[in-house]
Protein backbone atom coordinates (compact mmCIF):
# COMPACT_ATOMS: atom_id res chain seq x y z
CA MET A 1 -0.39 0.04 -0.28
CA LYS A 2 2.81 2.41 1.05
CA GLU A 3 4.56 1.72 -2.28
CA LYS A 4 1.50 2.55 -4.27
CA ILE A 5 0.82 5.27 -2.33
CA GLU A 6 4.02 7.16 -3.64
CA ASN A 7 3.77 6.06 -6.80
CA SER A 8 0.62 8.50 -7.53
CA ASN A 9 2.32 11.12 -5.01
CA GLN A 10 5.39 11.64 -7.62
CA GLU A 11 2.51 10.51 -10.84
CA GLN A 12 0.78 14.16 -8.81
CA THR A 13 3.95 15.58 -8.94
CA SER A 14 4.88 15.07 -12.64
CA GLU A 15 1.97 16.15 -13.27
CA GLN A 16 2.21 19.40 -11.16
CA LYS A 17 5.99 20.08 -12.85
CA THR A 18 4.68 19.70 -16.27
CA LYS A 19 1.56 21.62 -16.06
CA PRO A 20 3.68 25.10 -15.84
CA LYS A 21 6.05 24.13 -18.54
CA GLY A 22 3.12 23.59 -20.89
CA ARG A 23 1.04 26.54 -20.02
CA ARG A 24 4.51 28.42 -20.19
CA ALA A 25 5.23 27.32 -23.75
CA GLY A 26 1.67 28.04 -24.95
CA LYS A 27 1.90 31.42 -22.79
CA ILE A 28 5.34 32.23 -25.47
CA LEU A 29 3.85 30.96 -28.76
CA LYS A 30 0.58 33.41 -28.16
CA ARG A 31 3.62 36.61 -27.74
CA THR A 32 5.33 35.23 -30.76
CA LEU A 33 2.43 34.91 -32.53
CA LYS A 34 1.59 38.40 -31.50
CA VAL A 35 4.28 40.55 -32.44
CA THR A 36 4.77 38.34 -35.19
CA GLY A 37 1.55 40.00 -36.26
CA TRP A 38 2.50 43.18 -34.95
CA LEU A 39 5.55 43.18 -36.97
CA VAL A 40 3.83 42.13 -40.40
CA LEU A 41 1.00 44.89 -39.85
CA ALA A 42 3.85 48.01 -39.17
CA VAL A 43 5.81 46.74 -42.29
CA VAL A 44 2.44 46.68 -44.37
CA LEU A 45 1.61 49.87 -43.37
CA LEU A 46 4.97 51.37 -43.26
CA VAL A 47 4.54 49.74 -47.05
CA ALA A 48 1.40 51.21 -47.62
CA ALA A 49 2.68 55.08 -45.91
CA ALA A 50 4.94 54.68 -48.75
CA LEU A 51 3.12 54.21 -51.74
CA GLY A 52 0.75 56.66 -50.53
CA CYS A 53 3.23 59.67 -49.96
CA VAL A 54 4.62 58.76 -53.60
CA VAL A 55 1.10 59.28 -55.31
CA TRP A 56 0.65 62.09 -53.13
CA LEU A 57 3.28 63.76 -54.34
CA LEU A 58 3.68 62.47 -57.56
CA THR A 59 0.72 64.55 -58.94
CA PRO A 60 0.03 64.48 -62.58
CA GLU A 61 1.77 68.41 -63.39
CA ARG A 62 4.76 67.48 -60.67
CA LEU A 63 4.81 64.00 -61.99
CA THR A 64 4.61 65.39 -66.65
CA PRO A 65 7.22 66.83 -66.06
CA ILE A 66 9.35 64.63 -64.62
CA VAL A 67 9.03 61.69 -67.06
CA GLU A 68 8.92 64.38 -69.86
CA ASN A 69 12.74 65.90 -68.93
CA LEU A 70 13.90 61.56 -68.24
CA ALA A 71 12.54 60.51 -71.58
CA ASN A 72 14.62 63.86 -73.53
CA GLU A 73 17.49 63.44 -71.62
CA ASN A 74 17.48 59.65 -72.42
CA LEU A 75 16.29 59.83 -76.43
CA GLN A 76 18.23 61.49 -78.75
CA GLY A 77 14.81 63.32 -79.85
CA GLU A 78 12.46 65.41 -78.47
CA VAL A 79 9.09 64.31 -76.70
CA LYS A 80 5.78 66.22 -76.06
CA ILE A 81 3.66 64.69 -72.95
CA GLY A 82 0.50 66.61 -72.16
CA ARG A 83 -0.22 65.03 -69.05
CA VAL A 84 1.44 62.07 -66.76
CA GLU A 85 -1.22 60.50 -63.32
CA LEU A 86 -0.32 57.35 -61.24
CA THR A 87 -3.27 55.94 -59.66
CA VAL A 88 -2.69 53.46 -56.68
CA TRP A 89 -5.52 53.19 -54.21
CA GLU A 90 -8.26 52.65 -56.46
CA THR A 91 -6.69 50.01 -58.99
CA PHE A 92 -3.76 48.23 -55.57
CA PRO A 93 -2.36 45.76 -56.00
CA GLN A 94 -2.08 46.81 -59.94
CA ALA A 95 0.01 50.22 -60.50
CA SER A 96 -2.36 52.11 -63.10
CA LEU A 97 0.23 55.00 -65.09
CA ASP A 98 -2.44 57.39 -67.80
CA VAL A 99 -0.04 59.25 -70.41
CA GLN A 100 -1.78 61.69 -72.69
CA ARG A 101 -0.94 63.99 -76.25
CA VAL A 102 2.34 61.95 -76.73
CA GLU A 103 4.22 63.57 -79.80
CA VAL A 104 7.76 61.65 -80.67
CA THR A 105 9.73 63.74 -83.30
CA THR A 106 13.45 62.81 -84.76
CA ALA A 107 15.12 66.94 -85.56
CA GLY A 108 17.08 66.96 -88.33
CA PHE A 109 16.70 62.77 -89.65
CA ALA A 110 14.00 63.96 -92.49
CA LYS A 111 16.88 67.55 -93.51
CA ALA A 112 20.38 64.79 -93.23
CA ASN A 113 18.61 62.28 -95.43
CA ARG A 114 16.88 64.57 -97.95
CA LEU A 115 13.20 62.95 -96.80
CA PRO A 116 10.03 64.86 -96.56
CA ALA A 117 9.52 66.94 -93.57
CA GLY A 118 6.94 64.02 -92.14
CA SER A 119 9.50 61.96 -91.28
CA ASP A 120 10.56 63.36 -88.67
CA SER A 121 8.07 62.08 -86.90
CA LEU A 122 7.64 59.28 -85.42
CA LEU A 123 4.62 58.50 -83.17
CA SER A 124 1.71 60.30 -81.87
CA VAL A 125 -0.57 58.90 -79.63
CA GLY A 126 -4.00 60.43 -77.55
CA ARG A 127 -3.10 58.61 -74.12
CA MET A 128 -1.78 56.12 -73.41
CA ARG A 129 -2.66 53.36 -69.85
CA LEU A 130 -0.59 51.05 -68.59
CA GLU A 131 -1.62 48.50 -65.68
CA LEU A 132 1.31 46.64 -63.58
CA ASN A 133 1.21 44.06 -60.82
CA LEU A 134 2.87 45.90 -58.16
CA ALA A 135 2.94 42.09 -56.01
CA LYS A 136 5.25 40.78 -58.61
CA VAL A 137 7.28 44.09 -58.80
CA ALA A 138 9.82 42.74 -55.54
CA LEU A 139 10.36 38.96 -57.27
CA MET A 140 11.58 40.78 -60.78
CA GLU A 141 9.19 39.65 -62.85
CA PHE A 142 7.21 42.73 -64.72
CA ASP A 143 3.75 41.58 -64.87
CA ILE A 144 1.26 44.10 -67.13
CA THR A 145 -1.56 43.47 -67.34
CA GLU A 146 -2.30 45.40 -70.52
CA LEU A 147 -1.43 48.21 -72.04
CA SER A 148 -4.13 50.54 -74.33
CA ILE A 149 -3.23 52.72 -76.29
CA ASP A 150 -5.52 54.99 -78.34
CA SER A 151 -5.36 57.87 -81.19
CA ILE A 152 -2.27 56.08 -82.75
CA ARG A 153 -0.12 57.13 -85.36
CA ALA A 154 2.88 55.74 -85.68
CA ASN A 155 5.43 56.67 -89.25
CA ALA A 156 8.78 54.37 -88.53
CA VAL A 157 10.91 55.60 -91.97
CA SER A 158 14.18 53.02 -93.27
CA VAL A 159 16.69 54.76 -95.51
CA ASN A 160 18.52 51.66 -94.66
CA ASP A 161 20.30 49.02 -92.41
CA SER A 162 21.56 51.14 -89.95
CA THR A 163 19.79 55.02 -90.22
CA ALA A 164 16.05 54.79 -90.02
CA ASN A 165 14.25 57.30 -87.77
CA PHE A 166 13.18 55.10 -84.73
CA LEU A 167 16.89 53.97 -84.73
CA GLN A 168 17.78 57.96 -84.33
CA LEU A 169 15.55 57.89 -80.93
CA LEU A 170 18.52 56.01 -79.14
CA PRO A 171 21.81 57.30 -77.81
CA PRO A 172 24.99 56.85 -80.11
CA SER A 173 26.91 55.20 -78.36
CA THR A 174 24.18 52.31 -77.14
CA THR A 175 24.59 48.58 -78.58
CA PRO A 176 24.16 45.34 -78.33
CA GLU A 177 27.92 44.79 -77.33
CA ASP A 178 27.30 47.50 -74.90
CA THR A 179 24.16 46.52 -73.38
CA ALA A 180 25.52 43.03 -73.08
CA SER A 181 29.12 44.76 -71.14
CA SER A 182 27.11 46.74 -69.47
CA GLY A 183 25.44 43.90 -67.23
CA LEU A 184 21.85 45.31 -68.92
CA GLY A 185 21.47 42.36 -71.07
CA ILE A 186 19.86 40.67 -67.30
CA MET A 187 16.60 41.60 -68.30
CA PRO A 188 13.94 40.29 -65.37
CA LYS A 189 10.78 39.12 -66.24
CA VAL A 190 8.17 40.45 -68.44
CA VAL A 191 4.69 39.25 -69.56
CA LEU A 192 2.66 41.40 -71.43
CA ARG A 193 -0.56 39.92 -71.35
CA LYS A 194 -2.89 42.21 -73.63
CA PHE A 195 -2.10 44.92 -75.85
CA CYS A 196 -5.17 46.82 -77.95
CA VAL A 197 -4.33 49.47 -80.32
CA THR A 198 -7.84 51.66 -80.55
CA ASN A 199 -9.46 54.47 -83.10
CA ASN A 200 -6.22 53.49 -85.26
CA ARG A 201 -4.64 56.79 -87.16
CA GLY A 202 -2.43 54.96 -89.26
CA ILE A 203 0.85 52.76 -88.39
CA ARG A 204 3.03 53.59 -91.26
CA TYR A 205 6.73 51.68 -92.39
CA ALA A 206 8.43 53.32 -95.69
CA ASP A 207 11.69 51.44 -96.43
CA VAL A 208 12.87 54.24 -98.94
CA ALA A 209 16.44 51.13 -100.31
CA SER A 210 14.07 48.83 -101.31
CA ASN A 211 10.90 51.45 -102.17
CA MET A 212 8.19 49.49 -100.18
CA ASP A 213 5.49 52.17 -98.05
CA CYS A 214 2.79 49.89 -95.98
CA THR A 215 -0.06 51.77 -93.44
CA LEU A 216 -2.40 49.64 -91.47
CA HIS A 217 -5.73 51.11 -90.93
CA THR A 218 -6.84 48.91 -89.44
CA ASP A 219 -9.46 50.93 -86.47
CA SER A 220 -7.79 48.48 -84.00
CA LEU A 221 -6.29 45.75 -82.94
CA GLU A 222 -5.77 43.60 -79.91
CA LEU A 223 -3.50 41.26 -78.83
CA GLY A 224 -4.08 38.43 -75.82
CA TYR A 225 -1.72 36.59 -73.50
CA ASP A 226 -2.57 32.65 -73.49
CA GLY A 227 -0.83 31.99 -70.28
CA GLN A 228 -2.13 28.04 -70.78
CA ARG A 229 -0.30 27.83 -74.16
CA LYS A 230 2.06 30.65 -73.43
CA GLY A 231 1.60 32.42 -76.64
CA TYR A 232 -0.49 35.36 -78.09
CA HIS A 233 -2.96 35.43 -79.72
CA ILE A 234 -4.07 38.76 -82.29
CA VAL A 235 -7.23 40.74 -83.83
CA PHE A 236 -7.75 43.29 -86.25
CA THR A 237 -11.11 45.14 -86.57
């Protein structure tokens, strides 16, 4: 009887020892999860605040001259932009960039190659809208949900393999060899899921050497990405 009483006492004391340990582990786990949750929430709020500041600071009045100056500094031509607007909150997690009244010309191309003055006019767009998935940008994946262009007029003129108005836009030092050696050849993953053109005013390509001149007059064009087949389908109307 004494042995049974001693054994029962030992079992009770062991249970009493394990209970506080189990409760303590549960409290530690709850505290860890609580701290982790607060940290995640803090990071989300900081990112949201940063995006809010960016959108608030980069109003169309401030963003438009920034984009226009960057385009003129990096392209050998003249770029005019009427308005640029960045939207995040209304389309989150998609970021939307709306660009209006774009004019791109290559000054001096027509005169240097004895071509009509209209050869300097390369691109005219009434409105251009791009939607990008922000969540994938951190993974170096540029998932473009939609790129739409309205009221476009394009005029690509080529004199020979090395001389064309669209090639003149590139800086003189920009070559495939320079791009590869500078590390720019490592490009992030880019997926364009939908591309559409509406109110087409004429997409023209002229080759002076072969005396070829063709213009696409279709009213609209749509290019869609098929994720299963990993290919595109195109529709003209």
